[in-house]
Amino acid sequence: MKLAKVIGTVTATAKDAQLSGYKLLICDIIDGADKVLEPAVVAVDTVGAGTGEKVLLVFGSAARLPGTTSGAPVDAAITAIVDQIETR
């Protein structure tokens, strides 16, 4: 899993039929201090996240494990909304 911040949405009217109904969000992968490590990753939202929220992303085959994305051509999925981050 990777920590990320949702920075926007993607609208795609022409897409694979298996992606119909999915909300696509643009996320910056960040570290614990909010520094952007990798910008603009598109991920399927499985938890109802919104712009500005910190989330956990999974990639590859793990992104297709949540029941809502099973069988869909998905490489990145949001699987949690982060409530708090504590670093030392």
Foldseek 3Di string as FASTA:
>chain_A
DFKWAFAAWDDDPDDDPLCPPWTKTFIFGADLVRHGPHGTDIATEPDPDDHGWMFDKDADPVSCPPPSNPPPPGGMYTDGTDDDDDDD
